[in-house]
PDB file of all heavy atoms in Angstrom:
ATOM      1  N   GLU A   1     -21.269 -86.089  23.055  1.00  0.00           N
ATOM      2  CA  GLU A   1     -22.718 -86.059  22.880  1.00  0.00           C
ATOM      3  C   GLU A   1     -23.421 -87.115  23.853  1.00  0.00           C
ATOM      4  O   GLU A   1     -24.428 -86.913  24.400  1.00  0.00           O
ATOM      5  CB  GLU A   1     -23.055 -86.436  21.492  1.00  0.00           C
ATOM      6  CG  GLU A   1     -22.735 -85.335  20.492  1.00  0.00           C
ATOM      7  CD  GLU A   1     -23.007 -85.679  18.990  1.00  0.00           C
ATOM      8  OE1 GLU A   1     -22.321 -86.774  18.537  1.00  0.00           O
ATOM      9  OE2 GLU A   1     -23.779 -85.094  18.417  1.00  0.00           O
ATOM     10  N   ILE A   2     -22.657 -88.232  24.054  1.00  0.00           N
ATOM     11  CA  ILE A   2     -23.167 -89.207  24.928  1.00  0.00           C
ATOM     12  C   ILE A   2     -23.301 -88.718  26.400  1.00  0.00           C
ATOM     13  O   ILE A   2     -24.217 -88.881  27.074  1.00  0.00           O
ATOM     14  CB  ILE A   2     -22.445 -90.595  24.792  1.00  0.00           C
ATOM     15  CG1 ILE A   2     -22.698 -91.187  23.417  1.00  0.00           C
ATOM     16  CG2 ILE A   2     -22.854 -91.598  25.925  1.00  0.00           C
ATOM     17  CD1 ILE A   2     -21.737 -92.244  22.975  1.00  0.00           C
ATOM     18  N   LEU A   3     -22.181 -88.051  26.796  1.00  0.00           N
ATOM     19  CA  LEU A   3     -22.131 -87.494  28.119  1.00  0.00           C
ATOM     20  C   LEU A   3     -23.206 -86.428  28.218  1.00  0.00           C
ATOM     21  O   LEU A   3     -23.970 -86.406  29.242  1.00  0.00           O
ATOM     22  CB  LEU A   3     -20.743 -86.952  28.415  1.00  0.00           C
ATOM     23  CG  LEU A   3     -20.581 -85.982  29.676  1.00  0.00           C
ATOM     24  CD1 LEU A   3     -20.927 -86.835  30.889  1.00  0.00           C
ATOM     25  CD2 LEU A   3     -19.197 -85.461  29.739  1.00  0.00           C
ATOM     26  N   ALA A   4     -23.230 -85.509  27.329  1.00  0.00           N
ATOM     27  CA  ALA A   4     -24.244 -84.423  27.370  1.00  0.00           C
ATOM     28  C   ALA A   4     -25.610 -84.917  27.424  1.00  0.00           C
ATOM     29  O   ALA A   4     -26.534 -84.465  28.140  1.00  0.00           O
ATOM     30  CB  ALA A   4     -24.092 -83.437  26.187  1.00  0.00           C
ATOM     31  N   GLY A   5     -25.928 -85.975  26.518  1.00  0.00           N
ATOM     32  CA  GLY A   5     -27.239 -86.534  26.494  1.00  0.00           C
ATOM     33  C   GLY A   5     -27.676 -87.230  27.793  1.00  0.00           C
ATOM     34  O   GLY A   5     -28.763 -87.115  28.214  1.00  0.00           O
ATOM     35  N   ALA A   6     -26.713 -87.950  28.365  1.00  0.00           N
ATOM     36  CA  ALA A   6     -26.941 -88.623  29.598  1.00  0.00           C
ATOM     37  C   ALA A   6     -27.243 -87.599  30.737  1.00  0.00           C
ATOM     38  O   ALA A   6     -28.237 -87.824  31.550  1.00  0.00           O
ATOM     39  CB  ALA A   6     -25.822 -89.489  30.079  1.00  0.00           C
ATOM     40  N   LEU A   7     -26.569 -86.519  30.749  1.00  0.00           N
ATOM     41  CA  LEU A   7     -26.793 -85.509  31.798  1.00  0.00           C
ATOM     42  C   LEU A   7     -28.113 -84.796  31.470  1.00  0.00           C
ATOM     43  O   LEU A   7     -28.885 -84.597  32.483  1.00  0.00           O
ATOM     44  CB  LEU A   7     -25.723 -84.486  31.886  1.00  0.00           C
ATOM     45  CG  LEU A   7     -24.349 -85.085  32.253  1.00  0.00           C
ATOM     46  CD1 LEU A   7     -23.198 -84.004  32.159  1.00  0.00           C
ATOM     47  CD2 LEU A   7     -24.415 -85.709  33.622  1.00  0.00           C
ATOM     48  N   GLN A   8     -28.519 -84.600  30.348  1.00  0.00           N
ATOM     49  CA  GLN A   8     -29.826 -83.958  29.947  1.00  0.00           C
ATOM     50  C   GLN A   8     -30.942 -84.857  30.147  1.00  0.00           C
ATOM     51  O   GLN A   8     -31.976 -84.454  30.800  1.00  0.00           O
ATOM     52  CB  GLN A   8     -29.754 -83.443  28.498  1.00  0.00           C
ATOM     53  CG  GLN A   8     -31.093 -82.821  28.098  1.00  0.00           C
ATOM     54  CD  GLN A   8     -31.210 -82.444  26.622  1.00  0.00           C
ATOM     55  OE1 GLN A   8     -30.662 -83.207  25.766  1.00  0.00           O
ATOM     56  NE2 GLN A   8     -31.634 -81.271  26.259  1.00  0.00           N
ATOM     57  N   ASP A   9     -30.801 -86.124  29.757  1.00  0.00           N
ATOM     58  CA  ASP A   9     -31.919 -87.073  29.909  1.00  0.00           C
ATOM     59  C   ASP A   9     -32.238 -87.419  31.328  1.00  0.00           C
ATOM     60  O   ASP A   9     -33.344 -87.767  31.579  1.00  0.00           O
ATOM     61  CB  ASP A   9     -31.608 -88.423  29.088  1.00  0.00           C
ATOM     62  CG  ASP A   9     -31.615 -88.156  27.581  1.00  0.00           C
ATOM     63  OD1 ASP A   9     -32.002 -87.056  27.130  1.00  0.00           O
ATOM     64  OD2 ASP A   9     -31.200 -89.050  26.908  1.00  0.00           O
ATOM     65  N   ASN A  10     -31.276 -87.303  32.164  1.00  0.00           N
ATOM     66  CA  ASN A  10     -31.484 -87.566  33.576  1.00  0.00           C
ATOM     67  C   ASN A  10     -31.785 -86.287  34.365  1.00  0.00           C
ATOM     68  O   ASN A  10     -31.728 -86.320  35.642  1.00  0.00           O
ATOM     69  CB  ASN A  10     -30.262 -88.306  34.184  1.00  0.00           C
ATOM     70  CG  ASN A  10     -30.262 -89.750  33.803  1.00  0.00           C
ATOM     71  OD1 ASN A  10     -31.053 -90.598  34.224  1.00  0.00           O
ATOM     72  ND2 ASN A  10     -29.294 -90.031  32.836  1.00  0.00           N
ATOM     73  N   CYS A  11     -32.088 -85.186  33.679  1.00  0.00           N
ATOM     74  CA  CYS A  11     -32.481 -83.959  34.239  1.00  0.00           C
ATOM     75  C   CYS A  11     -31.295 -83.456  35.267  1.00  0.00           C
ATOM     76  O   CYS A  11     -31.619 -82.893  36.260  1.00  0.00           O
ATOM     77  CB  CYS A  11     -33.808 -83.990  34.909  1.00  0.00           C
ATOM     78  SG  CYS A  11     -35.140 -84.412  33.862  1.00  0.00           S
ATOM     79  N   ARG A  12     -30.128 -83.792  34.832  1.00  0.00           N
ATOM     80  CA  ARG A  12     -29.037 -83.366  35.733  1.00  0.00           C
ATOM     81  C   ARG A  12     -28.330 -82.036  35.270  1.00  0.00           C
ATOM     82  O   ARG A  12     -27.749 -81.340  36.087  1.00  0.00           O
ATOM     83  CB  ARG A  12     -28.001 -84.533  35.743  1.00  0.00           C
ATOM     84  CG  ARG A  12     -26.697 -84.216  36.667  1.00  0.00           C
ATOM     85  CD  ARG A  12     -27.223 -83.965  38.131  1.00  0.00           C
ATOM     86  NE  ARG A  12     -26.130 -83.488  38.911  1.00  0.00           N
ATOM     87  CZ  ARG A  12     -25.751 -82.140  38.998  1.00  0.00           C
ATOM     88  NH1 ARG A  12     -26.467 -81.222  38.447  1.00  0.00           N
ATOM     89  NH2 ARG A  12     -24.709 -81.907  39.782  1.00  0.00           N
ATOM     90  N   GLY A  13     -28.450 -81.675  34.082  1.00  0.00           N
ATOM     91  CA  GLY A  13     -27.861 -80.450  33.628  1.00  0.00           C
ATOM     92  C   GLY A  13     -28.735 -79.893  32.406  1.00  0.00           C
ATOM     93  O   GLY A  13     -29.525 -80.602  31.813  1.00  0.00           O
ATOM     94  N   VAL A  14     -28.479 -78.569  32.145  1.00  0.00           N
ATOM     95  CA  VAL A  14     -29.060 -77.957  31.089  1.00  0.00           C
ATOM     96  C   VAL A  14     -28.054 -77.734  29.916  1.00  0.00           C
ATOM     97  O   VAL A  14     -26.963 -77.196  30.178  1.00  0.00           O
ATOM     98  CB  VAL A  14     -29.596 -76.584  31.531  1.00  0.00           C
ATOM     99  CG1 VAL A  14     -30.204 -75.751  30.422  1.00  0.00           C
ATOM    100  CG2 VAL A  14     -30.632 -76.695  32.716  1.00  0.00           C
ATOM    101  N   LEU A  15     -28.412 -78.138  28.717  1.00  0.00           N
ATOM    102  CA  LEU A  15     -27.548 -77.937  27.584  1.00  0.00           C
ATOM    103  C   LEU A  15     -27.692 -76.491  27.073  1.00  0.00           C
ATOM    104  O   LEU A  15     -28.720 -75.975  26.938  1.00  0.00           O
ATOM    105  CB  LEU A  15     -27.889 -78.872  26.471  1.00  0.00           C
ATOM    106  CG  LEU A  15     -27.650 -80.426  26.686  1.00  0.00           C
ATOM    107  CD1 LEU A  15     -27.902 -81.179  25.474  1.00  0.00           C
ATOM    108  CD2 LEU A  15     -26.354 -80.657  27.274  1.00  0.00           C
ATOM    109  N   VAL A  16     -26.593 -75.767  26.785  1.00  0.00           N
ATOM    110  CA  VAL A  16     -26.597 -74.507  26.327  1.00  0.00           C
ATOM    111  C   VAL A  16     -25.709 -74.364  25.118  1.00  0.00           C
ATOM    112  O   VAL A  16     -24.584 -74.897  25.174  1.00  0.00           O
ATOM    113  CB  VAL A  16     -26.005 -73.538  27.398  1.00  0.00           C
ATOM    114  CG1 VAL A  16     -26.049 -72.042  26.885  1.00  0.00           C
ATOM    115  CG2 VAL A  16     -26.859 -73.702  28.759  1.00  0.00           C
ATOM    116  N   GLY A  17     -26.144 -73.804  24.028  1.00  0.00           N
ATOM    117  CA  GLY A  17     -25.309 -73.611  22.896  1.00  0.00           C
ATOM    118  C   GLY A  17     -26.008 -74.059  21.606  1.00  0.00           C
ATOM    119  O   GLY A  17     -27.245 -74.008  21.480  1.00  0.00           O
ATOM    120  N   LYS A  18     -25.223 -74.487  20.645  1.00  0.00           N
ATOM    121  CA  LYS A  18     -25.663 -74.900  19.293  1.00  0.00           C
ATOM    122  C   LYS A  18     -26.006 -76.365  19.361  1.00  0.00           C
ATOM    123  O   LYS A  18     -25.555 -77.132  20.221  1.00  0.00           O
ATOM    124  CB  LYS A  18     -24.587 -74.612  18.304  1.00  0.00           C
ATOM    125  CG  LYS A  18     -24.293 -73.165  18.091  1.00  0.00           C
ATOM    126  CD  LYS A  18     -23.250 -73.096  17.008  1.00  0.00           C
ATOM    127  CE  LYS A  18     -22.807 -71.687  16.772  1.00  0.00           C
ATOM    128  NZ  LYS A  18     -21.701 -71.608  15.736  1.00  0.00           N
ATOM    129  N   GLN A  19     -26.662 -76.866  18.308  1.00  0.00           N
ATOM    130  CA  GLN A  19     -26.927 -78.199  18.087  1.00  0.00           C
ATOM    131  C   GLN A  19     -25.542 -78.958  17.941  1.00  0.00           C
ATOM    132  O   GLN A  19     -24.653 -78.451  17.283  1.00  0.00           O
ATOM    133  CB  GLN A  19     -27.779 -78.453  16.844  1.00  0.00           C
ATOM    134  CG  GLN A  19     -28.141 -79.934  16.642  1.00  0.00           C
ATOM    135  CD  GLN A  19     -29.204 -80.124  15.547  1.00  0.00           C
ATOM    136  OE1 GLN A  19     -29.829 -79.236  15.107  1.00  0.00           O
ATOM    137  NE2 GLN A  19     -29.255 -81.311  15.029  1.00  0.00           N
ATOM    138  N   THR A  20     -25.447 -80.130  18.478  1.00  0.00           N
ATOM    139  CA  THR A  20     -24.250 -80.856  18.418  1.00  0.00           C
ATOM    140  C   THR A  20     -23.973 -81.483  17.112  1.00  0.00           C
ATOM    141  O   THR A  20     -24.866 -81.441  16.168  1.00  0.00           O
ATOM    142  CB  THR A  20     -24.128 -81.947  19.504  1.00  0.00           C
ATOM    143  OG1 THR A  20     -25.202 -82.936  19.314  1.00  0.00           O
ATOM    144  CG2 THR A  20     -24.269 -81.368  20.914  1.00  0.00           C
ATOM    145  N   TYR A  21     -22.796 -82.063  16.879  1.00  0.00           N
ATOM    146  CA  TYR A  21     -22.397 -82.639  15.516  1.00  0.00           C
ATOM    147  C   TYR A  21     -23.431 -83.589  15.027  1.00  0.00           C
ATOM    148  O   TYR A  21     -23.735 -83.675  13.789  1.00  0.00           O
ATOM    149  CB  TYR A  21     -21.029 -83.256  15.670  1.00  0.00           C
ATOM    150  CG  TYR A  21     -20.459 -83.784  14.404  1.00  0.00           C
ATOM    151  CD1 TYR A  21     -19.945 -82.986  13.555  1.00  0.00           C
ATOM    152  CD2 TYR A  21     -20.451 -85.134  14.169  1.00  0.00           C
ATOM    153  CE1 TYR A  21     -19.452 -83.486  12.273  1.00  0.00           C
ATOM    154  CE2 TYR A  21     -19.951 -85.698  12.970  1.00  0.00           C
ATOM    155  CZ  TYR A  21     -19.380 -84.804  12.058  1.00  0.00           C
ATOM    156  OH  TYR A  21     -18.907 -85.316  10.944  1.00  0.00           O
ATOM    157  N   GLY A  22     -23.980 -84.482  15.917  1.00  0.00           N
ATOM    158  CA  GLY A  22     -24.968 -85.486  15.483  1.00  0.00           C
ATOM    159  C   GLY A  22     -24.476 -86.847  15.322  1.00  0.00           C
ATOM    160  O   GLY A  22     -25.268 -87.749  14.916  1.00  0.00           O
ATOM    161  N   LYS A  23     -23.290 -87.202  15.756  1.00  0.00           N
ATOM    162  CA  LYS A  23     -22.841 -88.535  15.701  1.00  0.00           C
ATOM    163  C   LYS A  23     -23.613 -89.336  16.791  1.00  0.00           C
ATOM    164  O   LYS A  23     -24.316 -90.278  16.491  1.00  0.00           O
ATOM    165  CB  LYS A  23     -21.330 -88.667  15.877  1.00  0.00           C
ATOM    166  CG  LYS A  23     -20.792 -90.026  15.689  1.00  0.00           C
ATOM    167  CD  LYS A  23     -19.242 -90.127  15.888  1.00  0.00           C
ATOM    168  CE  LYS A  23     -18.802 -91.491  15.714  1.00  0.00           C
ATOM    169  NZ  LYS A  23     -17.416 -91.573  16.060  1.00  0.00           N
ATOM    170  N   GLY A  24     -23.355 -89.023  17.987  1.00  0.00           N
ATOM    171  CA  GLY A  24     -24.175 -89.569  19.109  1.00  0.00           C
ATOM    172  C   GLY A  24     -24.183 -91.127  19.215  1.00  0.00           C
ATOM    173  O   GLY A  24     -25.212 -91.571  19.705  1.00  0.00           O
ATOM    174  N   LEU A  25     -23.229 -91.724  18.855  1.00  0.00           N
ATOM    175  CA  LEU A  25     -23.224 -93.157  18.969  1.00  0.00           C
ATOM    176  C   LEU A  25     -21.849 -93.679  19.464  1.00  0.00           C
ATOM    177  O   LEU A  25     -20.797 -92.968  19.436  1.00  0.00           O
ATOM    178  CB  LEU A  25     -23.639 -93.820  17.700  1.00  0.00           C
ATOM    179  CG  LEU A  25     -22.891 -93.527  16.420  1.00  0.00           C
ATOM    180  CD1 LEU A  25     -21.606 -94.367  16.292  1.00  0.00           C
ATOM    181  CD2 LEU A  25     -23.744 -93.710  15.205  1.00  0.00           C
ATOM    182  N   ILE A  26     -21.852 -94.946  19.805  1.00  0.00           N
ATOM    183  CA  ILE A  26     -20.566 -95.609  20.254  1.00  0.00           C
ATOM    184  C   ILE A  26     -20.165 -96.524  19.074  1.00  0.00           C
ATOM    185  O   ILE A  26     -20.891 -97.363  18.555  1.00  0.00           O
ATOM    186  CB  ILE A  26     -20.798 -96.416  21.463  1.00  0.00           C
ATOM    187  CG1 ILE A  26     -21.215 -95.599  22.612  1.00  0.00           C
ATOM    188  CG2 ILE A  26     -19.499 -97.285  21.878  1.00  0.00           C
ATOM    189  CD1 ILE A  26     -21.653 -96.318  23.844  1.00  0.00           C
ATOM    190  N   GLN A  27     -18.916 -96.377  18.642  1.00  0.00           N
ATOM    191  CA  GLN A  27     -18.423 -97.250  17.589  1.00  0.00           C
ATOM    192  C   GLN A  27     -17.302 -98.164  18.236  1.00  0.00           C
ATOM    193  O   GLN A  27     -16.532 -97.742  19.098  1.00  0.00           O
ATOM    194  CB  GLN A  27     -17.887 -96.510  16.399  1.00  0.00           C
ATOM    195  CG  GLN A  27     -16.696 -95.495  16.715  1.00  0.00           C
ATOM    196  CD  GLN A  27     -16.428 -94.634  15.576  1.00  0.00           C
ATOM    197  OE1 GLN A  27     -17.142 -93.747  15.338  1.00  0.00           O
ATOM    198  NE2 GLN A  27     -15.355 -94.857  14.864  1.00  0.00           N
TER     199      GLN A  27
END
């Protein structure tokens, strides 16, 4: 999710599919 979010937020790629799991954090 962090990789996908970074690519989406920087307008580098388009996300395709379902909503992700929702963890989206670093532990």
